[in-house]
Amino acid sequence: MSYRYADPDGDTFEVDTCINDDGTPVIVIDCVTARIPLDRVEELVAGIRDIADEAAGASR
């Protein structure tokens, strides 16, 4: 699962799960200057939280 937001210009903010070389779960954030409207910030934070929870669950 991943979270992806694209602004009207097509710039993106993406969050994915990943496993470090040492086996610890992490999230990876890839952003190309996406402009996040203030009324979408909570959605963005919730998306990051969901991906972090998924990464943590994958390590169990």
N, C-alpha and C. Protein backbone atom coordinates (compact mmCIF):
# COMPACT_ATOMS: atom_id res chain seq x y z
N MET A 1 0.84 -1.17 0.00
CA MET A 1 0.00 0.00 0.00
C MET A 1 0.88 1.23 0.00
N SER A 2 0.41 2.27 -0.64
CA SER A 2 1.13 3.54 -0.59
C SER A 2 0.10 4.67 -0.57
N TYR A 3 0.57 5.83 -0.17
CA TYR A 3 -0.26 7.03 -0.18
C TYR A 3 0.32 7.95 -1.24
N ARG A 4 -0.55 8.51 -2.09
CA ARG A 4 -0.08 9.40 -3.14
C ARG A 4 -1.01 10.59 -3.25
N TYR A 5 -0.42 11.77 -3.29
CA TYR A 5 -1.18 13.00 -3.53
C TYR A 5 -0.55 13.69 -4.72
N ALA A 6 -1.37 14.16 -5.64
CA ALA A 6 -0.88 14.95 -6.78
C ALA A 6 -1.60 16.30 -6.76
N ASP A 7 -0.81 17.37 -6.87
CA ASP A 7 -1.44 18.70 -6.90
C ASP A 7 -1.92 18.99 -8.32
N PRO A 8 -2.63 20.10 -8.50
CA PRO A 8 -3.17 20.41 -9.83
C PRO A 8 -2.12 20.50 -10.94
N ASP A 9 -0.87 20.80 -10.58
CA ASP A 9 0.21 20.87 -11.57
C ASP A 9 0.79 19.50 -11.89
N GLY A 10 0.35 18.46 -11.18
CA GLY A 10 0.87 17.12 -11.40
C GLY A 10 2.06 16.76 -10.52
N ASP A 11 2.50 17.69 -9.66
CA ASP A 11 3.58 17.38 -8.73
C ASP A 11 3.05 16.42 -7.67
N THR A 12 3.88 15.50 -7.21
CA THR A 12 3.40 14.45 -6.32
C THR A 12 4.12 14.41 -4.98
N PHE A 13 3.41 13.85 -4.02
CA PHE A 13 3.91 13.53 -2.69
C PHE A 13 3.51 12.09 -2.46
N GLU A 14 4.49 11.19 -2.32
CA GLU A 14 4.20 9.77 -2.16
C GLU A 14 4.88 9.22 -0.92
N VAL A 15 4.18 8.32 -0.25
CA VAL A 15 4.73 7.64 0.92
C VAL A 15 4.54 6.14 0.70
N ASP A 16 5.62 5.39 0.88
CA ASP A 16 5.59 3.94 0.72
C ASP A 16 6.30 3.28 1.90
N THR A 17 6.04 2.00 2.09
CA THR A 17 6.76 1.24 3.10
C THR A 17 8.03 0.67 2.50
N CYS A 18 8.99 0.41 3.36
CA CYS A 18 10.26 -0.15 2.93
C CYS A 18 10.91 -0.83 4.14
N ILE A 19 11.84 -1.70 3.87
CA ILE A 19 12.61 -2.34 4.94
C ILE A 19 14.07 -1.95 4.76
N ASN A 20 14.67 -1.41 5.82
CA ASN A 20 16.09 -1.06 5.79
C ASN A 20 16.94 -2.33 5.68
N ASP A 21 18.20 -2.14 5.32
CA ASP A 21 19.13 -3.27 5.21
C ASP A 21 19.23 -4.05 6.51
N ASP A 22 19.04 -3.35 7.65
CA ASP A 22 19.13 -4.04 8.94
C ASP A 22 17.81 -4.70 9.35
N GLY A 23 16.80 -4.63 8.47
CA GLY A 23 15.53 -5.29 8.72
C GLY A 23 14.47 -4.45 9.41
N THR A 24 14.80 -3.22 9.77
CA THR A 24 13.81 -2.37 10.43
C THR A 24 12.87 -1.75 9.39
N PRO A 25 11.58 -1.68 9.74
CA PRO A 25 10.62 -1.08 8.82
C PRO A 25 10.72 0.44 8.85
N VAL A 26 10.58 1.04 7.69
CA VAL A 26 10.61 2.50 7.57
C VAL A 26 9.58 2.93 6.54
N ILE A 27 9.33 4.23 6.48
CA ILE A 27 8.54 4.77 5.39
C ILE A 27 9.48 5.59 4.51
N VAL A 28 9.16 5.64 3.23
CA VAL A 28 9.93 6.41 2.26
C VAL A 28 9.03 7.51 1.73
N ILE A 29 9.50 8.75 1.81
CA ILE A 29 8.73 9.89 1.32
C ILE A 29 9.42 10.43 0.08
N ASP A 30 8.66 10.51 -1.01
CA ASP A 30 9.16 11.06 -2.27
C ASP A 30 8.28 12.24 -2.62
N CYS A 31 8.88 13.42 -2.68
CA CYS A 31 8.10 14.63 -2.92
C CYS A 31 8.82 15.53 -3.91
N VAL A 32 8.06 16.01 -4.89
CA VAL A 32 8.59 16.95 -5.86
C VAL A 32 7.81 18.25 -5.72
N THR A 33 8.10 18.99 -4.68
CA THR A 33 7.47 20.29 -4.42
C THR A 33 5.96 20.29 -4.64
N ALA A 34 5.29 19.30 -4.11
CA ALA A 34 3.83 19.27 -4.20
C ALA A 34 3.25 20.34 -3.27
N ARG A 35 2.29 21.07 -3.77
CA ARG A 35 1.62 22.09 -2.96
C ARG A 35 0.39 21.45 -2.34
N ILE A 36 0.42 21.30 -1.02
CA ILE A 36 -0.67 20.65 -0.31
C ILE A 36 -1.62 21.73 0.23
N PRO A 37 -2.87 21.75 -0.24
CA PRO A 37 -3.82 22.73 0.28
C PRO A 37 -4.05 22.50 1.77
N LEU A 38 -4.26 23.56 2.51
CA LEU A 38 -4.43 23.45 3.95
C LEU A 38 -5.58 22.53 4.33
N ASP A 39 -6.63 22.50 3.52
CA ASP A 39 -7.75 21.63 3.86
C ASP A 39 -7.48 20.16 3.56
N ARG A 40 -6.29 19.82 3.05
CA ARG A 40 -5.92 18.43 2.77
C ARG A 40 -4.78 17.94 3.67
N VAL A 41 -4.29 18.80 4.57
CA VAL A 41 -3.16 18.44 5.42
C VAL A 41 -3.49 17.26 6.33
N GLU A 42 -4.67 17.25 6.93
CA GLU A 42 -5.04 16.13 7.79
C GLU A 42 -5.08 14.82 7.02
N GLU A 43 -5.54 14.87 5.77
CA GLU A 43 -5.55 13.68 4.91
C GLU A 43 -4.11 13.20 4.68
N LEU A 44 -3.21 14.14 4.45
CA LEU A 44 -1.81 13.80 4.23
C LEU A 44 -1.21 13.14 5.46
N VAL A 45 -1.46 13.72 6.63
CA VAL A 45 -0.94 13.15 7.88
C VAL A 45 -1.54 11.77 8.12
N ALA A 46 -2.83 11.62 7.88
CA ALA A 46 -3.48 10.31 8.05
C ALA A 46 -2.88 9.29 7.10
N GLY A 47 -2.59 9.70 5.87
CA GLY A 47 -1.97 8.80 4.90
C GLY A 47 -0.60 8.34 5.36
N ILE A 48 0.19 9.26 5.89
CA ILE A 48 1.52 8.91 6.40
C ILE A 48 1.38 7.96 7.59
N ARG A 49 0.43 8.25 8.48
CA ARG A 49 0.21 7.40 9.65
C ARG A 49 -0.20 5.99 9.22
N ASP A 50 -1.08 5.88 8.24
CA ASP A 50 -1.52 4.56 7.75
C ASP A 50 -0.35 3.76 7.19
N ILE A 51 0.52 4.43 6.43
CA ILE A 51 1.67 3.74 5.85
C ILE A 51 2.65 3.32 6.95
N ALA A 52 2.85 4.18 7.96
CA ALA A 52 3.72 3.83 9.08
C ALA A 52 3.17 2.63 9.83
N ASP A 53 1.85 2.61 10.05
CA ASP A 53 1.24 1.47 10.73
C ASP A 53 1.42 0.19 9.91
N GLU A 54 1.29 0.30 8.60
CA GLU A 54 1.48 -0.86 7.73
C GLU A 54 2.92 -1.36 7.82
N ALA A 55 3.87 -0.44 7.79
CA ALA A 55 5.29 -0.83 7.90
C ALA A 55 5.56 -1.51 9.24
N ALA A 56 5.00 -0.97 10.30
CA ALA A 56 5.19 -1.57 11.62
C ALA A 56 4.56 -2.95 11.68
N GLY A 57 3.40 -3.12 11.07
CA GLY A 57 2.73 -4.41 11.07
C GLY A 57 3.49 -5.44 10.25
N ALA A 58 4.15 -5.02 9.20
CA ALA A 58 4.90 -5.94 8.35
C ALA A 58 6.11 -6.50 9.08
N SER A 59 6.57 -5.79 10.09
CA SER A 59 7.77 -6.26 10.80
C SER A 59 7.43 -7.22 11.92
N ARG A 60 6.14 -7.38 12.22
CA ARG A 60 5.75 -8.26 13.34
C ARG A 60 5.68 -9.69 12.92
